[in-house]
Amino acid sequence: AGLPPRWRESVAEAADPDESALADALDQAVLQTPLRGRNPWWWPVLGGLQLLLAGTAVAGAAWLTVLAVLGWLQLPADAPSWGPLPVPLVMLVGGLLAGALLGVAARLAGRVGARRRRRAVERELRRAVTEVARTHVRAPVQAVLERYRQTRSQLTAAAR
């Protein structure tokens, strides 16, 4: 059965909460939702590895510079070789290439982690907003409807 006009008005009033109270409750729900999780275990490992590779490239470049200066001064300068390539060149190029590859891998892993974190934050925000809606809209409407059911039940009992 439909609600009488007076009860419909009560339900409409209950479903239309005070805007400032609702806005404050939503603000608090969003503010209390943690947006940052803990950093993955591999971040510091990757950071350390990238520092090591950058240091290797810088050391290789410095060594090559020293060899070039010694050659310009026409002083004897020999660099150990690794196969056909001098070790300082291998250090420079290897450090740069490995660092770049590590950066690409970290970016891909970061994207996967960011998607996962975004889903978790969305889930938490939905839960918080749903709770505010339940408290400030649904519960008052249910209270009015429950009073209507009780009133109707009592009127039916009194009419018998």
N, C-alpha and C. Protein backbone atom coordinates (compact mmCIF):
# COMPACT_ATOMS: atom_id res chain seq x y z
N ALA A 1 0.84 -1.18 0.00
CA ALA A 1 0.00 0.00 0.00
C ALA A 1 0.88 1.23 0.00
N GLY A 2 0.41 2.28 -0.70
CA GLY A 2 1.16 3.53 -0.77
C GLY A 2 1.06 4.29 0.55
N LEU A 3 1.98 5.15 0.77
CA LEU A 3 1.97 5.96 1.98
C LEU A 3 1.00 7.12 1.84
N PRO A 4 0.31 7.47 2.91
CA PRO A 4 -0.53 8.67 2.88
C PRO A 4 0.35 9.91 2.69
N PRO A 5 -0.22 11.00 2.19
CA PRO A 5 0.58 12.20 1.90
C PRO A 5 1.41 12.69 3.08
N ARG A 6 0.85 12.67 4.28
CA ARG A 6 1.59 13.16 5.46
C ARG A 6 2.85 12.32 5.68
N TRP A 7 2.72 11.02 5.54
CA TRP A 7 3.87 10.13 5.74
C TRP A 7 4.87 10.27 4.59
N ARG A 8 4.37 10.49 3.37
CA ARG A 8 5.28 10.72 2.24
C ARG A 8 6.14 11.95 2.49
N GLU A 9 5.52 12.99 3.06
CA GLU A 9 6.27 14.21 3.39
C GLU A 9 7.33 13.91 4.44
N SER A 10 6.97 13.09 5.44
CA SER A 10 7.94 12.73 6.48
C SER A 10 9.12 11.95 5.90
N VAL A 11 8.81 11.05 4.97
CA VAL A 11 9.89 10.28 4.32
C VAL A 11 10.75 11.21 3.48
N ALA A 12 10.11 12.13 2.76
CA ALA A 12 10.87 13.08 1.93
C ALA A 12 11.77 13.96 2.81
N GLU A 13 11.26 14.39 3.95
CA GLU A 13 12.08 15.20 4.86
C GLU A 13 13.25 14.39 5.41
N ALA A 14 12.99 13.14 5.75
CA ALA A 14 14.05 12.29 6.29
C ALA A 14 15.10 12.00 5.22
N ALA A 15 14.70 11.90 3.96
CA ALA A 15 15.64 11.61 2.87
C ALA A 15 16.41 12.85 2.43
N ASP A 16 16.03 14.02 2.94
CA ASP A 16 16.69 15.27 2.56
C ASP A 16 17.39 15.85 3.79
N PRO A 17 18.57 15.31 4.14
CA PRO A 17 19.24 15.76 5.36
C PRO A 17 19.79 17.18 5.21
N ASP A 18 20.15 17.74 6.33
CA ASP A 18 20.77 19.06 6.35
C ASP A 18 22.04 19.00 5.50
N GLU A 19 22.11 19.88 4.51
CA GLU A 19 23.22 19.83 3.55
C GLU A 19 24.57 20.04 4.21
N SER A 20 24.65 20.95 5.16
CA SER A 20 25.95 21.22 5.79
C SER A 20 26.39 20.02 6.63
N ALA A 21 25.44 19.37 7.32
CA ALA A 21 25.80 18.19 8.12
C ALA A 21 26.24 17.05 7.21
N LEU A 22 25.53 16.88 6.10
CA LEU A 22 25.90 15.82 5.15
C LEU A 22 27.26 16.12 4.52
N ALA A 23 27.49 17.36 4.14
CA ALA A 23 28.77 17.75 3.55
C ALA A 23 29.90 17.54 4.56
N ASP A 24 29.68 17.92 5.81
CA ASP A 24 30.70 17.71 6.84
C ASP A 24 30.98 16.23 7.05
N ALA A 25 29.93 15.42 7.08
CA ALA A 25 30.11 13.98 7.27
C ALA A 25 30.88 13.38 6.09
N LEU A 26 30.56 13.82 4.87
CA LEU A 26 31.29 13.32 3.71
C LEU A 26 32.75 13.78 3.74
N ASP A 27 32.97 15.03 4.11
CA ASP A 27 34.35 15.52 4.23
C ASP A 27 35.14 14.68 5.23
N GLN A 28 34.55 14.42 6.38
CA GLN A 28 35.23 13.63 7.40
C GLN A 28 35.49 12.21 6.92
N ALA A 29 34.51 11.64 6.22
CA ALA A 29 34.69 10.28 5.70
C ALA A 29 35.85 10.23 4.72
N VAL A 30 35.94 11.22 3.84
CA VAL A 30 37.03 11.25 2.86
C VAL A 30 38.36 11.51 3.55
N LEU A 31 38.38 12.45 4.50
CA LEU A 31 39.63 12.77 5.20
C LEU A 31 40.15 11.59 6.01
N GLN A 32 39.25 10.79 6.55
CA GLN A 32 39.68 9.67 7.39
C GLN A 32 40.02 8.43 6.58
N THR A 33 39.79 8.47 5.28
CA THR A 33 40.13 7.33 4.44
C THR A 33 41.62 7.41 4.09
N PRO A 34 42.38 6.38 4.44
CA PRO A 34 43.82 6.43 4.15
C PRO A 34 44.05 6.30 2.64
N LEU A 35 44.77 7.26 2.08
CA LEU A 35 45.04 7.24 0.65
C LEU A 35 46.39 6.61 0.34
N ARG A 36 47.27 6.61 1.30
CA ARG A 36 48.59 6.02 1.06
C ARG A 36 48.69 4.69 1.78
N GLY A 37 49.26 3.74 1.10
CA GLY A 37 49.56 2.46 1.72
C GLY A 37 51.04 2.43 2.05
N ARG A 38 51.49 1.31 2.52
CA ARG A 38 52.93 1.22 2.77
C ARG A 38 53.64 1.00 1.44
N ASN A 39 54.84 1.48 1.36
CA ASN A 39 55.61 1.35 0.13
C ASN A 39 56.01 -0.11 -0.08
N PRO A 40 56.07 -0.55 -1.33
CA PRO A 40 56.48 -1.94 -1.60
C PRO A 40 57.91 -2.18 -1.13
N TRP A 41 58.21 -3.41 -0.78
CA TRP A 41 59.53 -3.78 -0.27
C TRP A 41 60.62 -3.54 -1.31
N TRP A 42 60.26 -3.60 -2.57
CA TRP A 42 61.27 -3.52 -3.62
C TRP A 42 61.69 -2.09 -3.95
N TRP A 43 60.98 -1.07 -3.45
CA TRP A 43 61.36 0.32 -3.74
C TRP A 43 62.77 0.64 -3.25
N PRO A 44 63.09 0.40 -1.98
CA PRO A 44 64.45 0.72 -1.55
C PRO A 44 65.50 -0.15 -2.24
N VAL A 45 65.15 -1.40 -2.55
CA VAL A 45 66.09 -2.28 -3.25
C VAL A 45 66.40 -1.70 -4.63
N LEU A 46 65.36 -1.32 -5.36
CA LEU A 46 65.54 -0.72 -6.68
C LEU A 46 66.29 0.60 -6.59
N GLY A 47 65.96 1.40 -5.60
CA GLY A 47 66.67 2.67 -5.41
C GLY A 47 68.15 2.46 -5.18
N GLY A 48 68.48 1.51 -4.33
CA GLY A 48 69.89 1.20 -4.07
C GLY A 48 70.60 0.68 -5.30
N LEU A 49 69.91 -0.18 -6.04
CA LEU A 49 70.49 -0.73 -7.27
C LEU A 49 70.72 0.37 -8.31
N GLN A 50 69.77 1.28 -8.43
CA GLN A 50 69.94 2.38 -9.38
C GLN A 50 71.10 3.29 -8.95
N LEU A 51 71.23 3.55 -7.66
CA LEU A 51 72.38 4.33 -7.19
C LEU A 51 73.70 3.63 -7.51
N LEU A 52 73.73 2.32 -7.32
CA LEU A 52 74.93 1.55 -7.62
C LEU A 52 75.26 1.63 -9.11
N LEU A 53 74.25 1.49 -9.97
CA LEU A 53 74.48 1.58 -11.41
C LEU A 53 74.91 2.98 -11.83
N ALA A 54 74.30 3.99 -11.24
CA ALA A 54 74.71 5.37 -11.55
C ALA A 54 76.14 5.61 -11.09
N GLY A 55 76.49 5.11 -9.93
CA GLY A 55 77.87 5.24 -9.44
C GLY A 55 78.86 4.53 -10.35
N THR A 56 78.47 3.37 -10.85
CA THR A 56 79.33 2.63 -11.77
C THR A 56 79.55 3.43 -13.06
N ALA A 57 78.47 4.02 -13.59
CA ALA A 57 78.59 4.82 -14.81
C ALA A 57 79.46 6.05 -14.57
N VAL A 58 79.28 6.72 -13.44
CA VAL A 58 80.09 7.91 -13.12
C VAL A 58 81.55 7.51 -12.95
N ALA A 59 81.80 6.39 -12.27
CA ALA A 59 83.18 5.94 -12.09
C ALA A 59 83.81 5.60 -13.44
N GLY A 60 83.05 4.95 -14.31
CA GLY A 60 83.57 4.64 -15.65
C GLY A 60 83.88 5.91 -16.43
N ALA A 61 82.99 6.90 -16.35
CA ALA A 61 83.22 8.17 -17.06
C ALA A 61 84.44 8.89 -16.48
N ALA A 62 84.57 8.88 -15.16
CA ALA A 62 85.73 9.53 -14.54
C ALA A 62 87.03 8.83 -14.95
N TRP A 63 87.01 7.52 -14.97
CA TRP A 63 88.19 6.75 -15.35
C TRP A 63 88.57 7.05 -16.80
N LEU A 64 87.56 7.08 -17.67
CA LEU A 64 87.82 7.41 -19.08
C LEU A 64 88.38 8.82 -19.21
N THR A 65 87.88 9.75 -18.42
CA THR A 65 88.38 11.13 -18.44
C THR A 65 89.84 11.17 -18.01
N VAL A 66 90.17 10.46 -16.95
CA VAL A 66 91.56 10.41 -16.47
C VAL A 66 92.45 9.81 -17.56
N LEU A 67 92.01 8.75 -18.21
CA LEU A 67 92.79 8.13 -19.29
C LEU A 67 92.98 9.11 -20.46
N ALA A 68 91.93 9.88 -20.78
CA ALA A 68 92.03 10.86 -21.87
C ALA A 68 93.02 11.96 -21.51
N VAL A 69 92.97 12.43 -20.29
CA VAL A 69 93.90 13.49 -19.85
C VAL A 69 95.33 12.95 -19.87
N LEU A 70 95.53 11.74 -19.37
CA LEU A 70 96.87 11.15 -19.38
C LEU A 70 97.36 10.97 -20.81
N GLY A 71 96.48 10.58 -21.72
CA GLY A 71 96.86 10.46 -23.13
C GLY A 71 97.21 11.81 -23.73
N TRP A 72 96.48 12.83 -23.38
CA TRP A 72 96.74 14.18 -23.90
C TRP A 72 98.10 14.70 -23.40
N LEU A 73 98.38 14.35 -22.15
CA LEU A 73 99.67 14.73 -21.58
C LEU A 73 100.80 13.80 -22.04
N GLN A 74 100.45 12.82 -22.84
CA GLN A 74 101.39 11.84 -23.39
C GLN A 74 102.11 11.07 -22.29
N LEU A 75 101.32 10.75 -21.24
CA LEU A 75 101.82 9.90 -20.16
C LEU A 75 101.30 8.50 -20.39
N PRO A 76 102.05 7.51 -19.95
CA PRO A 76 101.58 6.13 -20.15
C PRO A 76 100.30 5.86 -19.33
N ALA A 77 99.30 5.33 -20.00
CA ALA A 77 98.04 5.02 -19.33
C ALA A 77 97.46 3.77 -19.96
N ASP A 78 97.34 2.75 -19.16
CA ASP A 78 96.74 1.50 -19.63
C ASP A 78 95.51 1.21 -18.79
N ALA A 79 94.48 0.77 -19.47
CA ALA A 79 93.26 0.37 -18.77
C ALA A 79 93.07 -1.11 -18.99
N PRO A 80 92.64 -1.81 -17.96
CA PRO A 80 92.36 -3.23 -18.16
C PRO A 80 91.20 -3.41 -19.15
N SER A 81 91.21 -4.52 -19.80
CA SER A 81 90.17 -4.79 -20.80
C SER A 81 89.31 -5.95 -20.37
N TRP A 82 88.11 -5.87 -20.84
CA TRP A 82 87.20 -6.99 -20.65
C TRP A 82 86.82 -7.41 -22.05
N GLY A 83 87.43 -8.43 -22.51
CA GLY A 83 87.29 -8.80 -23.91
C GLY A 83 87.95 -7.72 -24.75
N PRO A 84 87.32 -7.28 -25.82
CA PRO A 84 87.93 -6.25 -26.66
C PRO A 84 87.71 -4.83 -26.13
N LEU A 85 86.90 -4.68 -25.08
CA LEU A 85 86.54 -3.34 -24.60
C LEU A 85 87.26 -3.00 -23.30
N PRO A 86 87.68 -1.74 -23.15
CA PRO A 86 88.30 -1.34 -21.88
C PRO A 86 87.25 -1.32 -20.76
N VAL A 87 87.64 -1.70 -19.57
CA VAL A 87 86.74 -1.79 -18.42
C VAL A 87 86.03 -0.46 -18.13
N PRO A 88 86.71 0.70 -18.21
CA PRO A 88 85.99 1.95 -17.92
C PRO A 88 84.82 2.19 -18.89
N LEU A 89 85.01 1.83 -20.16
CA LEU A 89 83.93 1.98 -21.13
C LEU A 89 82.78 1.02 -20.82
N VAL A 90 83.12 -0.20 -20.43
CA VAL A 90 82.09 -1.18 -20.06
C VAL A 90 81.33 -0.67 -18.83
N MET A 91 82.05 -0.07 -17.88
CA MET A 91 81.39 0.47 -16.69
C MET A 91 80.42 1.59 -17.06
N LEU A 92 80.86 2.51 -17.91
CA LEU A 92 80.04 3.64 -18.30
C LEU A 92 78.80 3.18 -19.07
N VAL A 93 79.00 2.46 -20.13
CA VAL A 93 77.88 2.04 -20.98
C VAL A 93 76.99 1.03 -20.25
N GLY A 94 77.63 0.09 -19.55
CA GLY A 94 76.85 -0.91 -18.82
C GLY A 94 76.01 -0.29 -17.72
N GLY A 95 76.58 0.66 -16.98
CA GLY A 95 75.83 1.33 -15.92
C GLY A 95 74.65 2.12 -16.47
N LEU A 96 74.86 2.82 -17.59
CA LEU A 96 73.78 3.59 -18.20
C LEU A 96 72.68 2.69 -18.75
N LEU A 97 73.06 1.65 -19.48
CA LEU A 97 72.06 0.74 -20.07
C LEU A 97 71.29 -0.03 -19.00
N ALA A 98 72.03 -0.57 -18.04
CA ALA A 98 71.35 -1.34 -16.98
C ALA A 98 70.43 -0.42 -16.16
N GLY A 99 70.87 0.81 -15.91
CA GLY A 99 70.03 1.77 -15.19
C GLY A 99 68.76 2.10 -15.95
N ALA A 100 68.89 2.26 -17.27
CA ALA A 100 67.72 2.55 -18.09
C ALA A 100 66.75 1.37 -18.10
N LEU A 101 67.29 0.17 -18.25
CA LEU A 101 66.42 -1.03 -18.23
C LEU A 101 65.74 -1.19 -16.87
N LEU A 102 66.47 -0.93 -15.82
CA LEU A 102 65.90 -1.03 -14.48
C LEU A 102 64.80 0.02 -14.30
N GLY A 103 65.02 1.22 -14.85
CA GLY A 103 63.99 2.26 -14.79
C GLY A 103 62.71 1.86 -15.50
N VAL A 104 62.85 1.23 -16.67
CA VAL A 104 61.66 0.76 -17.42
C VAL A 104 60.93 -0.31 -16.62
N ALA A 105 61.69 -1.25 -16.05
CA ALA A 105 61.07 -2.31 -15.26
C ALA A 105 60.36 -1.74 -14.03
N ALA A 106 60.99 -0.76 -13.39
CA ALA A 106 60.38 -0.14 -12.21
C ALA A 106 59.10 0.61 -12.58
N ARG A 107 59.12 1.24 -13.74
CA ARG A 107 57.93 1.97 -14.19
C ARG A 107 56.76 1.00 -14.41
N LEU A 108 57.04 -0.13 -15.05
CA LEU A 108 55.98 -1.12 -15.27
C LEU A 108 55.45 -1.67 -13.95
N ALA A 109 56.36 -1.99 -13.05
CA ALA A 109 55.93 -2.50 -11.75
C ALA A 109 55.17 -1.43 -10.97
N GLY A 110 55.60 -0.19 -11.10
CA GLY A 110 54.90 0.91 -10.43
C GLY A 110 53.49 1.09 -10.94
N ARG A 111 53.30 0.92 -12.25
CA ARG A 111 51.95 1.02 -12.82
C ARG A 111 51.03 -0.04 -12.25
N VAL A 112 51.54 -1.26 -12.16
CA VAL A 112 50.73 -2.36 -11.61
C VAL A 112 50.36 -2.04 -10.15
N GLY A 113 51.34 -1.60 -9.39
CA GLY A 113 51.08 -1.26 -7.99
C GLY A 113 50.13 -0.09 -7.84
N ALA A 114 50.25 0.89 -8.73
CA ALA A 114 49.36 2.06 -8.66
C ALA A 114 47.92 1.66 -8.97
N ARG A 115 47.74 0.79 -9.95
CA ARG A 115 46.37 0.32 -10.25
C ARG A 115 45.78 -0.41 -9.06
N ARG A 116 46.57 -1.25 -8.44
CA ARG A 116 46.11 -2.02 -7.28
C ARG A 116 45.75 -1.06 -6.13
N ARG A 117 46.60 -0.07 -5.91
CA ARG A 117 46.34 0.90 -4.84
C ARG A 117 45.11 1.74 -5.13
N ARG A 118 44.94 2.13 -6.41
CA ARG A 118 43.77 2.91 -6.79
C ARG A 118 42.48 2.13 -6.49
N ARG A 119 42.49 0.85 -6.83
CA ARG A 119 41.30 0.03 -6.54
C ARG A 119 41.02 -0.06 -5.04
N ALA A 120 42.08 -0.19 -4.26
CA ALA A 120 41.90 -0.27 -2.80
C ALA A 120 41.36 1.04 -2.24
N VAL A 121 41.87 2.17 -2.73
CA VAL A 121 41.40 3.48 -2.25
C VAL A 121 39.96 3.70 -2.68
N GLU A 122 39.63 3.33 -3.93
CA GLU A 122 38.24 3.47 -4.39
C GLU A 122 37.30 2.64 -3.52
N ARG A 123 37.72 1.43 -3.18
CA ARG A 123 36.90 0.55 -2.34
C ARG A 123 36.69 1.18 -0.96
N GLU A 124 37.76 1.74 -0.38
CA GLU A 124 37.64 2.38 0.93
C GLU A 124 36.77 3.64 0.88
N LEU A 125 36.92 4.44 -0.17
CA LEU A 125 36.09 5.64 -0.30
C LEU A 125 34.62 5.28 -0.48
N ARG A 126 34.36 4.24 -1.29
CA ARG A 126 32.97 3.79 -1.47
C ARG A 126 32.37 3.34 -0.14
N ARG A 127 33.16 2.59 0.63
CA ARG A 127 32.68 2.12 1.92
C ARG A 127 32.38 3.30 2.84
N ALA A 128 33.26 4.29 2.86
CA ALA A 128 33.06 5.45 3.73
C ALA A 128 31.84 6.26 3.31
N VAL A 129 31.66 6.49 2.01
CA VAL A 129 30.52 7.26 1.51
C VAL A 129 29.23 6.47 1.73
N THR A 130 29.28 5.17 1.54
CA THR A 130 28.09 4.34 1.78
C THR A 130 27.67 4.42 3.25
N GLU A 131 28.64 4.44 4.13
CA GLU A 131 28.33 4.54 5.57
C GLU A 131 27.69 5.89 5.88
N VAL A 132 28.18 6.96 5.27
CA VAL A 132 27.58 8.28 5.48
C VAL A 132 26.16 8.29 4.94
N ALA A 133 25.95 7.72 3.76
CA ALA A 133 24.60 7.66 3.18
C ALA A 133 23.67 6.84 4.07
N ARG A 134 24.20 5.75 4.61
CA ARG A 134 23.39 4.89 5.48
C ARG A 134 22.99 5.66 6.75
N THR A 135 23.95 6.39 7.31
CA THR A 135 23.69 7.11 8.56
C THR A 135 22.79 8.33 8.36
N HIS A 136 23.05 9.11 7.31
CA HIS A 136 22.38 10.40 7.15
C HIS A 136 21.15 10.37 6.24
N VAL A 137 20.97 9.32 5.46
CA VAL A 137 19.81 9.27 4.57
C VAL A 137 18.98 8.01 4.82
N ARG A 138 19.60 6.86 4.69
CA ARG A 138 18.85 5.62 4.77
C ARG A 138 18.25 5.38 6.17
N ALA A 139 19.06 5.57 7.21
CA ALA A 139 18.57 5.31 8.57
C ALA A 139 17.38 6.21 8.94
N PRO A 140 17.42 7.52 8.65
CA PRO A 140 16.25 8.34 8.96
C PRO A 140 15.00 7.92 8.18
N VAL A 141 15.17 7.56 6.91
CA VAL A 141 14.02 7.10 6.11
C VAL A 141 13.47 5.80 6.70
N GLN A 142 14.35 4.89 7.05
CA GLN A 142 13.90 3.63 7.64
C GLN A 142 13.19 3.87 8.97
N ALA A 143 13.65 4.83 9.73
CA ALA A 143 13.00 5.14 11.01
C ALA A 143 11.58 5.65 10.77
N VAL A 144 11.39 6.52 9.78
CA VAL A 144 10.04 7.02 9.47
C VAL A 144 9.16 5.88 8.99
N LEU A 145 9.69 5.05 8.11
CA LEU A 145 8.90 3.92 7.61
C LEU A 145 8.55 2.93 8.72
N GLU A 146 9.48 2.72 9.63
CA GLU A 146 9.20 1.83 10.76
C GLU A 146 8.11 2.43 11.66
N ARG A 147 8.17 3.75 11.91
CA ARG A 147 7.10 4.39 12.69
C ARG A 147 5.76 4.25 11.97
N TYR A 148 5.78 4.38 10.65
CA TYR A 148 4.55 4.22 9.87
C TYR A 148 4.00 2.79 10.03
N ARG A 149 4.88 1.80 9.94
CA ARG A 149 4.43 0.40 10.10
C ARG A 149 3.85 0.17 11.49
N GLN A 150 4.52 0.73 12.49
CA GLN A 150 4.02 0.56 13.86
C GLN A 150 2.67 1.26 14.03
N THR A 151 2.57 2.46 13.51
CA THR A 151 1.31 3.21 13.61
C THR A 151 0.20 2.44 12.92
N ARG A 152 0.48 1.97 11.76
CA ARG A 152 -0.51 1.22 10.99
C ARG A 152 -0.91 -0.06 11.71
N SER A 153 0.07 -0.75 12.28
CA SER A 153 -0.21 -1.97 13.02
C SER A 153 -1.07 -1.67 14.23
N GLN A 154 -0.77 -0.56 14.95
CA GLN A 154 -1.55 -0.20 16.11
C GLN A 154 -2.96 0.23 15.72
N LEU A 155 -3.10 0.96 14.62
CA LEU A 155 -4.43 1.35 14.15
C LEU A 155 -5.24 0.13 13.74
N THR A 156 -4.59 -0.82 13.09
CA THR A 156 -5.29 -2.06 12.69
C THR A 156 -5.74 -2.81 13.93
N ALA A 157 -4.87 -2.88 14.95
CA ALA A 157 -5.23 -3.59 16.18
C ALA A 157 -6.34 -2.85 16.90
N ALA A 158 -6.32 -1.53 16.90
CA ALA A 158 -7.35 -0.76 17.59
C ALA A 158 -8.69 -0.87 16.85
N ALA A 159 -8.67 -1.04 15.55
CA ALA A 159 -9.91 -1.13 14.78
C ALA A 159 -10.59 -2.47 14.98
N ARG A 160 -9.97 -3.45 15.49
CA ARG A 160 -10.58 -4.78 15.68
C ARG A 160 -11.36 -4.88 16.91
